[in-house]
PDB file of N, CA and C in Angstrom:
ATOM      1  N   MET A   1     123.985  77.695   1.651  1.00  0.00           N
ATOM      2  CA  MET A   1     124.003  78.938   0.906  1.00  0.00           C
ATOM      3  C   MET A   1     123.978  80.090   1.909  1.00  0.00           C
ATOM      4  N   PRO A   2     124.848  81.097   1.760  1.00  0.00           N
ATOM      5  CA  PRO A   2     124.859  82.233   2.699  1.00  0.00           C
ATOM      6  C   PRO A   2     123.570  83.049   2.621  1.00  0.00           C
ATOM      7  N   ASP A   3     123.276  83.787   3.711  1.00  0.00           N
ATOM      8  CA  ASP A   3     122.056  84.604   3.775  1.00  0.00           C
ATOM      9  C   ASP A   3     121.959  85.593   2.620  1.00  0.00           C
ATOM     10  N   TRP A   4     123.094  86.176   2.217  1.00  0.00           N
ATOM     11  CA  TRP A   4     123.079  87.227   1.218  1.00  0.00           C
ATOM     12  C   TRP A   4     122.853  86.707  -0.197  1.00  0.00           C
ATOM     13  N   ALA A   5     122.959  85.391  -0.419  1.00  0.00           N
ATOM     14  CA  ALA A   5     122.853  84.845  -1.770  1.00  0.00           C
ATOM     15  C   ALA A   5     121.413  84.747  -2.261  1.00  0.00           C
ATOM     16  N   ALA A   6     120.433  84.830  -1.376  1.00  0.00           N
ATOM     17  CA  ALA A   6     119.028  84.733  -1.787  1.00  0.00           C
ATOM     18  C   ALA A   6     118.616  85.972  -2.573  1.00  0.00           C
ATOM     19  N   HIS A   7     117.627  85.801  -3.435  1.00  0.00           N
ATOM     20  CA  HIS A   7     117.129  86.922  -4.242  1.00  0.00           C
ATOM     21  C   HIS A   7     116.645  88.053  -3.328  1.00  0.00           C
ATOM     22  N   GLY A   8     117.089  89.259  -3.607  1.00  0.00           N
ATOM     23  CA  GLY A   8     116.674  90.414  -2.821  1.00  0.00           C
ATOM     24  C   GLY A   8     117.418  90.588  -1.511  1.00  0.00           C
ATOM     25  N   GLU A   9     118.438  89.778  -1.257  1.00  0.00           N
ATOM     26  CA  GLU A   9     119.174  89.852   0.016  1.00  0.00           C
ATOM     27  C   GLU A   9     120.645  90.235  -0.172  1.00  0.00           C
ATOM     28  N   ARG A  10     121.055  90.621  -1.362  1.00  0.00           N
ATOM     29  CA  ARG A  10     122.466  90.933  -1.610  1.00  0.00           C
ATOM     30  C   ARG A  10     122.947  92.150  -0.836  1.00  0.00           C
ATOM     31  N   TRP A  11     122.023  93.017  -0.415  1.00  0.00           N
ATOM     32  CA  TRP A  11     122.403  94.184   0.378  1.00  0.00           C
ATOM     33  C   TRP A  11     123.033  93.769   1.698  1.00  0.00           C
ATOM     34  N   ARG A  12     122.847  92.508   2.106  1.00  0.00           N
ATOM     35  CA  ARG A  12     123.456  92.032   3.350  1.00  0.00           C
ATOM     36  C   ARG A  12     124.979  92.029   3.290  1.00  0.00           C
ATOM     37  N   LEU A  13     125.541  92.124   2.087  1.00  0.00           N
ATOM     38  CA  LEU A  13     127.000  92.218   1.952  1.00  0.00           C
ATOM     39  C   LEU A  13     127.537  93.500   2.580  1.00  0.00           C
ATOM     40  N   LEU A  14     126.690  94.507   2.777  1.00  0.00           N
ATOM     41  CA  LEU A  14     127.103  95.764   3.403  1.00  0.00           C
ATOM     42  C   LEU A  14     127.337  95.614   4.901  1.00  0.00           C
ATOM     43  N   LEU A  15     126.797  94.564   5.493  1.00  0.00           N
ATOM     44  CA  LEU A  15     126.890  94.391   6.946  1.00  0.00           C
ATOM     45  C   LEU A  15     128.270  93.899   7.350  1.00  0.00           C
ATOM     46  N   PRO A  16     128.866  94.534   8.362  1.00  0.00           N
ATOM     47  CA  PRO A  16     130.145  94.035   8.878  1.00  0.00           C
ATOM     48  C   PRO A  16     129.968  92.637   9.477  1.00  0.00           C
ATOM     49  N   PRO A  17     131.014  91.812   9.470  1.00  0.00           N
ATOM     50  CA  PRO A  17     130.911  90.468  10.047  1.00  0.00           C
ATOM     51  C   PRO A  17     130.490  90.527  11.516  1.00  0.00           C
ATOM     52  N   GLY A  18     129.609  89.632  11.893  1.00  0.00           N
ATOM     53  CA  GLY A  18     129.150  89.559  13.276  1.00  0.00           C
ATOM     54  C   GLY A  18     128.031  90.523  13.626  1.00  0.00           C
ATOM     55  N   THR A  19     127.550  91.280  12.655  1.00  0.00           N
ATOM     56  CA  THR A  19     126.471  92.236  12.906  1.00  0.00           C
ATOM     57  C   THR A  19     125.134  91.505  12.903  1.00  0.00           C
ATOM     58  N   GLU A  20     124.335  91.778  13.907  1.00  0.00           N
ATOM     59  CA  GLU A  20     123.015  91.157  14.004  1.00  0.00           C
ATOM     60  C   GLU A  20     121.997  92.018  13.252  1.00  0.00           C
ATOM     61  N   LEU A  21     121.227  91.403  12.347  1.00  0.00           N
ATOM     62  CA  LEU A  21     120.206  92.114  11.597  1.00  0.00           C
ATOM     63  C   LEU A  21     118.893  92.084  12.368  1.00  0.00           C
ATOM     64  N   VAL A  22     118.309  93.274  12.571  1.00  0.00           N
ATOM     65  CA  VAL A  22     117.042  93.389  13.292  1.00  0.00           C
ATOM     66  C   VAL A  22     116.068  94.148  12.407  1.00  0.00           C
ATOM     67  N   ARG A  23     114.938  93.539  12.124  1.00  0.00           N
ATOM     68  CA  ARG A  23     113.866  94.226  11.399  1.00  0.00           C
ATOM     69  C   ARG A  23     112.942  94.833  12.449  1.00  0.00           C
ATOM     70  N   VAL A  24     112.817  96.166  12.436  1.00  0.00           N
ATOM     71  CA  VAL A  24     112.093  96.879  13.486  1.00  0.00           C
ATOM     72  C   VAL A  24     110.643  96.439  13.560  1.00  0.00           C
ATOM     73  N   ALA A  25     110.031  96.116  12.439  1.00  0.00           N
ATOM     74  CA  ALA A  25     108.630  95.692  12.442  1.00  0.00           C
ATOM     75  C   ALA A  25     108.449  94.398  13.230  1.00  0.00           C
ATOM     76  N   ASP A  26     109.458  93.509  13.214  1.00  0.00           N
ATOM     77  CA  ASP A  26     109.371  92.228  13.922  1.00  0.00           C
ATOM     78  C   ASP A  26     109.872  92.319  15.364  1.00  0.00           C
ATOM     79  N   HIS A  27     110.899  93.140  15.588  1.00  0.00           N
ATOM     80  CA  HIS A  27     111.530  93.255  16.912  1.00  0.00           C
ATOM     81  C   HIS A  27     111.723  94.727  17.263  1.00  0.00           C
ATOM     82  N   PRO A  28     110.718  95.368  17.871  1.00  0.00           N
ATOM     83  CA  PRO A  28     110.854  96.792  18.190  1.00  0.00           C
ATOM     84  C   PRO A  28     111.896  97.095  19.265  1.00  0.00           C
ATOM     85  N   VAL A  29     112.339  96.091  20.025  1.00  0.00           N
ATOM     86  CA  VAL A  29     113.352  96.294  21.069  1.00  0.00           C
ATOM     87  C   VAL A  29     114.686  95.780  20.537  1.00  0.00           C
ATOM     88  N   LEU A  30     115.699  96.640  20.543  1.00  0.00           N
ATOM     89  CA  LEU A  30     117.010  96.286  20.018  1.00  0.00           C
ATOM     90  C   LEU A  30     117.932  95.814  21.129  1.00  0.00           C
ATOM     91  N   PRO A  31     118.829  94.874  20.821  1.00  0.00           N
ATOM     92  CA  PRO A  31     119.828  94.484  21.825  1.00  0.00           C
ATOM     93  C   PRO A  31     120.851  95.602  21.980  1.00  0.00           C
ATOM     94  N   SER A  32     121.242  95.895  23.194  1.00  0.00           N
ATOM     95  CA  SER A  32     122.240  96.948  23.415  1.00  0.00           C
ATOM     96  C   SER A  32     123.594  96.302  23.679  1.00  0.00           C
ATOM     97  N   GLY A  33     124.651  97.062  23.432  1.00  0.00           N
ATOM     98  CA  GLY A  33     125.991  96.587  23.707  1.00  0.00           C
ATOM     99  C   GLY A  33     126.628  95.800  22.579  1.00  0.00           C
ATOM    100  N   LYS A  34     125.976  95.677  21.441  1.00  0.00           N
ATOM    101  CA  LYS A  34     126.570  94.977  20.313  1.00  0.00           C
ATOM    102  C   LYS A  34     126.228  95.702  19.030  1.00  0.00           C
ATOM    103  N   GLN A  35     126.939  95.387  17.966  1.00  0.00           N
ATOM    104  CA  GLN A  35     126.683  96.046  16.688  1.00  0.00           C
ATOM    105  C   GLN A  35     125.465  95.405  16.028  1.00  0.00           C
ATOM    106  N   VAL A  36     124.527  96.254  15.618  1.00  0.00           N
ATOM    107  CA  VAL A  36     123.310  95.778  14.979  1.00  0.00           C
ATOM    108  C   VAL A  36     123.068  96.541  13.677  1.00  0.00           C
ATOM    109  N   ALA A  37     122.378  95.895  12.774  1.00  0.00           N
ATOM    110  CA  ALA A  37     121.892  96.536  11.554  1.00  0.00           C
ATOM    111  C   ALA A  37     120.373  96.572  11.680  1.00  0.00           C
ATOM    112  N   VAL A  38     119.814  97.761  11.649  1.00  0.00           N
ATOM    113  CA  VAL A  38     118.387  97.940  11.879  1.00  0.00           C
ATOM    114  C   VAL A  38     117.730  98.296  10.552  1.00  0.00           C
ATOM    115  N   LEU A  39     116.701  97.546  10.183  1.00  0.00           N
ATOM    116  CA  LEU A  39     115.997  97.747   8.924  1.00  0.00           C
ATOM    117  C   LEU A  39     114.558  98.121   9.216  1.00  0.00           C
ATOM    118  N   GLY A  40     114.102  99.234   8.639  1.00  0.00           N
ATOM    119  CA  GLY A  40     112.727  99.661   8.842  1.00  0.00           C
ATOM    120  C   GLY A  40     112.507 101.077   8.356  1.00  0.00           C
ATOM    121  N   GLY A  41     111.365 101.620   8.705  1.00  0.00           N
ATOM    122  CA  GLY A  41     111.035 102.992   8.344  1.00  0.00           C
ATOM    123  C   GLY A  41     111.881 103.986   9.118  1.00  0.00           C
ATOM    124  N   ARG A  42     111.993 105.198   8.587  1.00  0.00           N
ATOM    125  CA  ARG A  42     112.865 106.213   9.182  1.00  0.00           C
ATOM    126  C   ARG A  42     112.518 106.486  10.636  1.00  0.00           C
ATOM    127  N   ARG A  43     111.268 106.742  10.923  1.00  0.00           N
ATOM    128  CA  ARG A  43     110.861 107.065  12.304  1.00  0.00           C
ATOM    129  C   ARG A  43     110.983 105.862  13.223  1.00  0.00           C
ATOM    130  N   GLN A  44     110.613 104.690  12.715  1.00  0.00           N
ATOM    131  CA  GLN A  44     110.710 103.475  13.537  1.00  0.00           C
ATOM    132  C   GLN A  44     112.154 103.195  13.930  1.00  0.00           C
ATOM    133  N   VAL A  45     113.052 103.311  12.966  1.00  0.00           N
ATOM    134  CA  VAL A  45     114.469 103.033  13.229  1.00  0.00           C
ATOM    135  C   VAL A  45     115.030 104.057  14.210  1.00  0.00           C
ATOM    136  N   ARG A  46     114.714 105.320  13.985  1.00  0.00           N
ATOM    137  CA  ARG A  46     115.215 106.379  14.873  1.00  0.00           C
ATOM    138  C   ARG A  46     114.739 106.157  16.315  1.00  0.00           C
ATOM    139  N   ALA A  47     113.463 105.822  16.482  1.00  0.00           N
ATOM    140  CA  ALA A  47     112.917 105.591  17.823  1.00  0.00           C
ATOM    141  C   ALA A  47     113.548 104.363  18.479  1.00  0.00           C
ATOM    142  N   ALA A  48     113.731 103.285  17.717  1.00  0.00           N
ATOM    143  CA  ALA A  48     114.333 102.069  18.278  1.00  0.00           C
ATOM    144  C   ALA A  48     115.780 102.313  18.699  1.00  0.00           C
ATOM    145  N   LEU A  49     116.538 103.064  17.894  1.00  0.00           N
ATOM    146  CA  LEU A  49     117.921 103.378  18.259  1.00  0.00           C
ATOM    147  C   LEU A  49     117.979 104.232  19.519  1.00  0.00           C
ATOM    148  N   ARG A  50     117.070 105.189  19.619  1.00  0.00           N
ATOM    149  CA  ARG A  50     117.037 106.063  20.798  1.00  0.00           C
ATOM    150  C   ARG A  50     116.734 105.247  22.053  1.00  0.00           C
ATOM    151  N   ARG A  51     115.737 104.349  21.965  1.00  0.00           N
ATOM    152  CA  ARG A  51     115.373 103.524  23.129  1.00  0.00           C
ATOM    153  C   ARG A  51     116.523 102.621  23.574  1.00  0.00           C
ATOM    154  N   ALA A  52     117.293 102.095  22.610  1.00  0.00           N
ATOM    155  CA  ALA A  52     118.391 101.184  22.937  1.00  0.00           C
ATOM    156  C   ALA A  52     119.675 101.919  23.297  1.00  0.00           C
ATOM    157  N   GLY A  53     119.718 103.232  23.064  1.00  0.00           N
ATOM    158  CA  GLY A  53     120.921 104.002  23.356  1.00  0.00           C
ATOM    159  C   GLY A  53     122.048 103.743  22.372  1.00  0.00           C
ATOM    160  N   LEU A  54     121.705 103.405  21.133  1.00  0.00           N
ATOM    161  CA  LEU A  54     122.704 103.122  20.105  1.00  0.00           C
ATOM    162  C   LEU A  54     122.909 104.334  19.206  1.00  0.00           C
ATOM    163  N   ARG A  55     124.115 104.446  18.655  1.00  0.00           N
ATOM    164  CA  ARG A  55     124.421 105.543  17.733  1.00  0.00           C
ATOM    165  C   ARG A  55     124.650 104.989  16.335  1.00  0.00           C
ATOM    166  N   PRO A  56     124.067 105.643  15.324  1.00  0.00           N
ATOM    167  CA  PRO A  56     124.255 105.163  13.952  1.00  0.00           C
ATOM    168  C   PRO A  56     125.682 105.388  13.464  1.00  0.00           C
ATOM    169  N   GLU A  57     126.224 104.393  12.785  1.00  0.00           N
ATOM    170  CA  GLU A  57     127.539 104.512  12.158  1.00  0.00           C
ATOM    171  C   GLU A  57     127.389 104.798  10.675  1.00  0.00           C
ATOM    172  N   SER A  58     126.434 104.140  10.034  1.00  0.00           N
ATOM    173  CA  SER A  58     126.163 104.390   8.621  1.00  0.00           C
ATOM    174  C   SER A  58     124.699 104.123   8.326  1.00  0.00           C
ATOM    175  N   VAL A  59     124.180 104.867   7.336  1.00  0.00           N
ATOM    176  CA  VAL A  59     122.763 104.778   6.970  1.00  0.00           C
ATOM    177  C   VAL A  59     122.684 104.575   5.461  1.00  0.00           C
ATOM    178  N   TYR A  60     121.853 103.617   5.045  1.00  0.00           N
ATOM    179  CA  TYR A  60     121.666 103.321   3.633  1.00  0.00           C
ATOM    180  C   TYR A  60     120.179 103.401   3.289  1.00  0.00           C
ATOM    181  N   VAL A  61     119.891 103.831   2.060  1.00  0.00           N
ATOM    182  CA  VAL A  61     118.529 103.784   1.528  1.00  0.00           C
ATOM    183  C   VAL A  61     118.573 102.941   0.259  1.00  0.00           C
ATOM    184  N   ALA A  62     117.434 102.336  -0.090  1.00  0.00           N
ATOM    185  CA  ALA A  62     117.363 101.481  -1.274  1.00  0.00           C
ATOM    186  C   ALA A  62     116.267 101.971  -2.199  1.00  0.00           C
ATOM    187  N   LEU A  63     116.510 101.801  -3.489  1.00  0.00           N
ATOM    188  CA  LEU A  63     115.497 102.111  -4.497  1.00  0.00           C
ATOM    189  C   LEU A  63     115.063 100.817  -5.150  1.00  0.00           C
ATOM    190  N   PRO A  64     113.832 100.461  -5.225  1.00  0.00           N
ATOM    191  CA  PRO A  64     112.680 101.075  -4.594  1.00  0.00           C
ATOM    192  C   PRO A  64     112.519 100.671  -3.130  1.00  0.00           C
ATOM    193  N   SER A  65     113.028  99.470  -2.728  1.00  0.00           N
ATOM    194  CA  SER A  65     112.959  99.067  -1.324  1.00  0.00           C
ATOM    195  C   SER A  65     114.007  97.979  -1.085  1.00  0.00           C
ATOM    196  N   PHE A  66     114.217  97.619   0.172  1.00  0.00           N
ATOM    197  CA  PHE A  66     115.164  96.560   0.491  1.00  0.00           C
ATOM    198  C   PHE A  66     114.604  95.186   0.162  1.00  0.00           C
ATOM    199  N   ALA A  67     113.299  95.077  -0.074  1.00  0.00           N
ATOM    200  CA  ALA A  67     112.705  93.796  -0.441  1.00  0.00           C
ATOM    201  C   ALA A  67     113.216  93.328  -1.809  1.00  0.00           C
ATOM    202  N   ASP A  68     113.373  94.244  -2.744  1.00  0.00           N
ATOM    203  CA  ASP A  68     113.879  93.931  -4.076  1.00  0.00           C
ATOM    204  C   ASP A  68     114.637  95.143  -4.607  1.00  0.00           C
ATOM    205  N   PRO A  69     115.811  95.430  -4.043  1.00  0.00           N
ATOM    206  CA  PRO A  69     116.504  96.675  -4.386  1.00  0.00           C
ATOM    207  C   PRO A  69     117.141  96.660  -5.775  1.00  0.00           C
ATOM    208  N   VAL A  70     117.048  97.789  -6.437  1.00  0.00           N
ATOM    209  CA  VAL A  70     117.767  98.013  -7.679  1.00  0.00           C
ATOM    210  C   VAL A  70     119.109  98.665  -7.338  1.00  0.00           C
ATOM    211  N   LEU A  71     119.085  99.524  -6.322  1.00  0.00           N
ATOM    212  CA  LEU A  71     120.262 100.279  -5.933  1.00  0.00           C
ATOM    213  C   LEU A  71     120.212 100.551  -4.429  1.00  0.00           C
ATOM    214  N   VAL A  72     121.332 100.352  -3.753  1.00  0.00           N
ATOM    215  CA  VAL A  72     121.461 100.683  -2.335  1.00  0.00           C
ATOM    216  C   VAL A  72     122.531 101.761  -2.240  1.00  0.00           C
ATOM    217  N   VAL A  73     122.173 102.903  -1.612  1.00  0.00           N
ATOM    218  CA  VAL A  73     123.048 104.079  -1.593  1.00  0.00           C
ATOM    219  C   VAL A  73     123.234 104.554  -0.156  1.00  0.00           C
ATOM    220  N   PRO A  74     124.482 104.912   0.237  1.00  0.00           N
ATOM    221  CA  PRO A  74     124.671 105.501   1.554  1.00  0.00           C
ATOM    222  C   PRO A  74     124.044 106.892   1.606  1.00  0.00           C
ATOM    223  N   LEU A  75     123.324 107.157   2.659  1.00  0.00           N
ATOM    224  CA  LEU A  75     122.677 108.457   2.835  1.00  0.00           C
ATOM    225  C   LEU A  75     123.755 109.507   3.073  1.00  0.00           C
ATOM    226  N   GLY A  76     123.639 110.649   2.399  1.00  0.00           N
ATOM    227  CA  GLY A  76     124.586 111.738   2.569  1.00  0.00           C
ATOM    228  C   GLY A  76     125.808 111.653   1.670  1.00  0.00           C
ATOM    229  N   SER A  77     125.856 110.670   0.789  1.00  0.00           N
ATOM    230  CA  SER A  77     127.013 110.570  -0.110  1.00  0.00           C
ATOM    231  C   SER A  77     126.672 111.176  -1.469  1.00  0.00           C
ATOM    232  N   PRO A  78     127.680 111.500  -2.276  1.00  0.00           N
ATOM    233  CA  PRO A  78     127.424 112.021  -3.623  1.00  0.00           C
ATOM    234  C   PRO A  78     126.681 111.024  -4.515  1.00  0.00           C
ATOM    235  N   LEU A  79     126.727 109.743  -4.144  1.00  0.00           N
ATOM    236  CA  LEU A  79     126.017 108.731  -4.927  1.00  0.00           C
ATOM    237  C   LEU A  79     124.508 108.933  -4.892  1.00  0.00           C
ATOM    238  N   LEU A  80     124.019 109.610  -3.871  1.00  0.00           N
ATOM    239  CA  LEU A  80     122.593 109.885  -3.784  1.00  0.00           C
ATOM    240  C   LEU A  80     122.144 110.761  -4.955  1.00  0.00           C
ATOM    241  N   GLY A  81     122.944 111.747  -5.307  1.00  0.00           N
ATOM    242  CA  GLY A  81     122.644 112.588  -6.464  1.00  0.00           C
ATOM    243  C   GLY A  81     122.691 111.802  -7.762  1.00  0.00           C
ATOM    244  N   TRP A  82     123.684 110.913  -7.878  1.00  0.00           N
ATOM    245  CA  TRP A  82     123.767 110.078  -9.067  1.00  0.00           C
ATOM    246  C   TRP A  82     122.543 109.174  -9.171  1.00  0.00           C
ATOM    247  N   ALA A  83     122.115 108.611  -8.038  1.00  0.00           N
ATOM    248  CA  ALA A  83     120.936 107.743  -8.039  1.00  0.00           C
ATOM    249  C   ALA A  83     119.692 108.512  -8.465  1.00  0.00           C
ATOM    250  N   ALA A  84     119.563 109.740  -7.974  1.00  0.00           N
ATOM    251  CA  ALA A  84     118.392 110.553  -8.323  1.00  0.00           C
ATOM    252  C   ALA A  84     118.379 110.896  -9.808  1.00  0.00           C
ATOM    253  N   ARG A  85     119.557 111.182 -10.373  1.00  0.00           N
ATOM    254  CA  ARG A  85     119.613 111.566 -11.789  1.00  0.00           C
ATOM    255  C   ARG A  85     119.664 110.372 -12.726  1.00  0.00           C
ATOM    256  N   GLY A  86     120.333 109.288 -12.315  1.00  0.00           N
ATOM    257  CA  GLY A  86     120.566 108.177 -13.224  1.00  0.00           C
ATOM    258  C   GLY A  86     119.626 106.998 -13.114  1.00  0.00           C
ATOM    259  N   VAL A  87     118.993 106.822 -11.963  1.00  0.00           N
ATOM    260  CA  VAL A  87     118.184 105.623 -11.747  1.00  0.00           C
ATOM    261  C   VAL A  87     116.707 105.955 -11.551  1.00  0.00           C
ATOM    262  N   LEU A  88     116.423 107.019 -10.854  1.00  0.00           N
ATOM    263  CA  LEU A  88     115.037 107.369 -10.522  1.00  0.00           C
ATOM    264  C   LEU A  88     114.243 107.719 -11.773  1.00  0.00           C
ATOM    265  N   THR A  89     113.080 107.122 -11.912  1.00  0.00           N
ATOM    266  CA  THR A  89     112.213 107.381 -13.056  1.00  0.00           C
ATOM    267  C   THR A  89     110.758 107.128 -12.661  1.00  0.00           C
ATOM    268  N   VAL A  90     109.853 107.535 -13.504  1.00  0.00           N
ATOM    269  CA  VAL A  90     108.431 107.275 -13.275  1.00  0.00           C
ATOM    270  C   VAL A  90     108.178 105.807 -13.597  1.00  0.00           C
ATOM    271  N   PRO A  91     107.495 105.067 -12.716  1.00  0.00           N
ATOM    272  CA  PRO A  91     107.215 103.653 -12.994  1.00  0.00           C
ATOM    273  C   PRO A  91     106.420 103.491 -14.293  1.00  0.00           C
ATOM    274  N   PRO A  92     106.646 102.405 -15.012  1.00  0.00           N
ATOM    275  CA  PRO A  92     106.007 102.230 -16.312  1.00  0.00           C
ATOM    276  C   PRO A  92     104.493 102.032 -16.261  1.00  0.00           C
ATOM    277  N   ASP A  93     103.957 101.559 -15.150  1.00  0.00           N
ATOM    278  CA  ASP A  93     102.521 101.287 -15.092  1.00  0.00           C
ATOM    279  C   ASP A  93     101.690 102.489 -14.632  1.00  0.00           C
ATOM    280  N   VAL A  94     102.311 103.638 -14.421  1.00  0.00           N
ATOM    281  CA  VAL A  94     101.595 104.844 -13.981  1.00  0.00           C
ATOM    282  C   VAL A  94     100.979 105.515 -15.203  1.00  0.00           C
ATOM    283  N   THR A  95      99.654 105.718 -15.170  1.00  0.00           N
ATOM    284  CA  THR A  95      98.987 106.321 -16.333  1.00  0.00           C
ATOM    285  C   THR A  95      98.443 107.707 -16.017  1.00  0.00           C
ATOM    286  N   TRP A  96      97.317 107.797 -15.333  1.00  0.00           N
ATOM    287  CA  TRP A  96      96.696 109.114 -15.141  1.00  0.00           C
ATOM    288  C   TRP A  96      97.482 110.041 -14.222  1.00  0.00           C
ATOM    289  N   PRO A  97      98.210 109.555 -13.153  1.00  0.00           N
ATOM    290  CA  PRO A  97      98.981 110.521 -12.351  1.00  0.00           C
ATOM    291  C   PRO A  97     100.400 110.752 -12.883  1.00  0.00           C
ATOM    292  N   HIS A  98     100.665 110.360 -14.127  1.00  0.00           N
ATOM    293  CA  HIS A  98     102.005 110.482 -14.688  1.00  0.00           C
ATOM    294  C   HIS A  98     102.575 111.896 -14.583  1.00  0.00           C
ATOM    295  N   PRO A  99     101.800 112.955 -14.869  1.00  0.00           N
ATOM    296  CA  PRO A  99     102.369 114.312 -14.735  1.00  0.00           C
ATOM    297  C   PRO A  99     102.817 114.634 -13.304  1.00  0.00           C
ATOM    298  N   VAL A 100     102.085 114.162 -12.322  1.00  0.00           N
ATOM    299  CA  VAL A 100     102.453 114.408 -10.927  1.00  0.00           C
ATOM    300  C   VAL A 100     103.745 113.667 -10.588  1.00  0.00           C
ATOM    301  N   TYR A 101     103.828 112.398 -10.991  1.00  0.00           N
ATOM    302  CA  TYR A 101     105.038 111.619 -10.753  1.00  0.00           C
ATOM    303  C   TYR A 101     106.232 112.240 -11.474  1.00  0.00           C
ATOM    304  N   SER A 102     106.016 112.672 -12.691  1.00  0.00           N
ATOM    305  CA  SER A 102     107.087 113.273 -13.475  1.00  0.00           C
ATOM    306  C   SER A 102     107.618 114.543 -12.805  1.00  0.00           C
ATOM    307  N   LEU A 103     106.709 115.346 -12.280  1.00  0.00           N
ATOM    308  CA  LEU A 103     107.112 116.557 -11.557  1.00  0.00           C
ATOM    309  C   LEU A 103     107.911 116.194 -10.293  1.00  0.00           C
ATOM    310  N   ALA A 104     107.468 115.170  -9.571  1.00  0.00           N
ATOM    311  CA  ALA A 104     108.166 114.733  -8.363  1.00  0.00           C
ATOM    312  C   ALA A 104     109.575 114.235  -8.701  1.00  0.00           C
ATOM    313  N   VAL A 105     109.707 113.490  -9.787  1.00  0.00           N
ATOM    314  CA  VAL A 105     111.020 112.990 -10.199  1.00  0.00           C
ATOM    315  C   VAL A 105     111.939 114.149 -10.556  1.00  0.00           C
ATOM    316  N   ARG A 106     111.428 115.140 -11.281  1.00  0.00           N
ATOM    317  CA  ARG A 106     112.256 116.297 -11.628  1.00  0.00           C
ATOM    318  C   ARG A 106     112.700 117.059 -10.379  1.00  0.00           C
ATOM    319  N   LEU A 107     111.808 117.170  -9.396  1.00  0.00           N
ATOM    320  CA  LEU A 107     112.141 117.857  -8.149  1.00  0.00           C
ATOM    321  C   LEU A 107     113.245 117.113  -7.394  1.00  0.00           C
ATOM    322  N   VAL A 108     113.124 115.792  -7.305  1.00  0.00           N
ATOM    323  CA  VAL A 108     114.133 114.999  -6.598  1.00  0.00           C
ATOM    324  C   VAL A 108     115.470 115.023  -7.353  1.00  0.00           C
ATOM    325  N   ARG A 109     115.422 115.086  -8.672  1.00  0.00           N
ATOM    326  CA  ARG A 109     116.675 115.183  -9.439  1.00  0.00           C
ATOM    327  C   ARG A 109     117.397 116.499  -9.163  1.00  0.00           C
ATOM    328  N   ARG A 110     116.636 117.552  -8.944  1.00  0.00           N
ATOM    329  CA  ARG A 110     117.253 118.850  -8.615  1.00  0.00           C
ATOM    330  C   ARG A 110     117.728 118.911  -7.163  1.00  0.00           C
ATOM    331  N   LEU A 111     116.978 118.269  -6.273  1.00  0.00           N
ATOM    332  CA  LEU A 111     117.294 118.261  -4.839  1.00  0.00           C
ATOM    333  C   LEU A 111     117.430 116.815  -4.365  1.00  0.00           C
ATOM    334  N   PRO A 112     118.566 116.160  -4.644  1.00  0.00           N
ATOM    335  CA  PRO A 112     118.705 114.732  -4.343  1.00  0.00           C
ATOM    336  C   PRO A 112     118.557 114.373  -2.868  1.00  0.00           C
ATOM    337  N   TRP A 113     118.791 115.302  -1.958  1.00  0.00           N
ATOM    338  CA  TRP A 113     118.648 114.994  -0.534  1.00  0.00           C
ATOM    339  C   TRP A 113     117.208 114.617  -0.201  1.00  0.00           C
ATOM    340  N   LEU A 114     116.249 115.020  -1.043  1.00  0.00           N
ATOM    341  CA  LEU A 114     114.856 114.619  -0.832  1.00  0.00           C
ATOM    342  C   LEU A 114     114.672 113.107  -0.940  1.00  0.00           C
ATOM    343  N   LEU A 115     115.537 112.474  -1.710  1.00  0.00           N
ATOM    344  CA  LEU A 115     115.456 111.029  -1.875  1.00  0.00           C
ATOM    345  C   LEU A 115     115.614 110.327  -0.530  1.00  0.00           C
ATOM    346  N   GLY A 116     116.476 110.844   0.314  1.00  0.00           N
ATOM    347  CA  GLY A 116     116.652 110.270   1.649  1.00  0.00           C
ATOM    348  C   GLY A 116     115.418 110.408   2.510  1.00  0.00           C
ATOM    349  N   LEU A 117     114.681 111.514   2.330  1.00  0.00           N
ATOM    350  CA  LEU A 117     113.449 111.707   3.096  1.00  0.00           C
ATOM    351  C   LEU A 117     112.311 110.848   2.576  1.00  0.00           C
ATOM    352  N   LEU A 118     112.272 110.644   1.263  1.00  0.00           N
ATOM    353  CA  LEU A 118     111.162 109.932   0.646  1.00  0.00           C
ATOM    354  C   LEU A 118     111.330 108.422   0.641  1.00  0.00           C
ATOM    355  N   ALA A 119     112.550 107.949   0.862  1.00  0.00           N
ATOM    356  CA  ALA A 119     112.781 106.499   0.855  1.00  0.00           C
ATOM    357  C   ALA A 119     111.974 105.851   1.967  1.00  0.00           C
ATOM    358  N   GLY A 120     111.261 104.805   1.629  1.00  0.00           N
ATOM    359  CA  GLY A 120     110.389 104.149   2.599  1.00  0.00           C
ATOM    360  C   GLY A 120     111.138 103.422   3.694  1.00  0.00           C
ATOM    361  N   GLN A 121     112.208 102.746   3.332  1.00  0.00           N
ATOM    362  CA  GLN A 121     112.975 101.979   4.302  1.00  0.00           C
ATOM    363  C   GLN A 121     114.410 102.475   4.340  1.00  0.00           C
ATOM    364  N   ARG A 122     115.036 102.236   5.465  1.00  0.00           N
ATOM    365  CA  ARG A 122     116.468 102.510   5.576  1.00  0.00           C
ATOM    366  C   ARG A 122     117.117 101.426   6.391  1.00  0.00           C
ATOM    367  N   LEU A 123     118.396 101.253   6.143  1.00  0.00           N
ATOM    368  CA  LEU A 123     119.213 100.298   6.876  1.00  0.00           C
ATOM    369  C   LEU A 123     120.241 101.104   7.645  1.00  0.00           C
ATOM    370  N   VAL A 124     120.242 100.965   8.956  1.00  0.00           N
ATOM    371  CA  VAL A 124     121.171 101.714   9.810  1.00  0.00           C
ATOM    372  C   VAL A 124     122.048 100.707  10.541  1.00  0.00           C
ATOM    373  N   ILE A 125     123.359 100.872  10.397  1.00  0.00           N
ATOM    374  CA  ILE A 125     124.301 100.063  11.155  1.00  0.00           C
ATOM    375  C   ILE A 125     124.714 100.895  12.357  1.00  0.00           C
ATOM    376  N   ALA A 126     124.492 100.337  13.537  1.00  0.00           N
ATOM    377  CA  ALA A 126     124.696 101.098  14.775  1.00  0.00           C
ATOM    378  C   ALA A 126     125.384 100.236  15.810  1.00  0.00           C
ATOM    379  N   SER A 127     125.988 100.928  16.791  1.00  0.00           N
ATOM    380  CA  SER A 127     126.580 100.211  17.924  1.00  0.00           C
ATOM    381  C   SER A 127     126.459 101.049  19.169  1.00  0.00           C
TER     382      SER A 127
END
């Protein structure tokens, strides 16, 4: 069975053939000179790319995370606005902080670029 067929791993279809997947939490040092897909937090990924001297080709964010994504969206595309308006919602189990979450969702719907800042993980394909 291919790697991408497992539950929660379908986002691997975004990776070009021959791309090595590196999870920054497990491997903080990236291989240089080859195409890699780096998965991790925004600051961790940025620092690892800088240390390896790699440049990002494309950046993706997932809602709610890459562990079990509902939606994977390229950062900076118009789809980010669609994701903020069409998919983002207050989680069903939130009770007492519901007004705060609701306000945050309305803010992100108006300013979808915030979704890229608030996303916990990102996938960066770099070479």
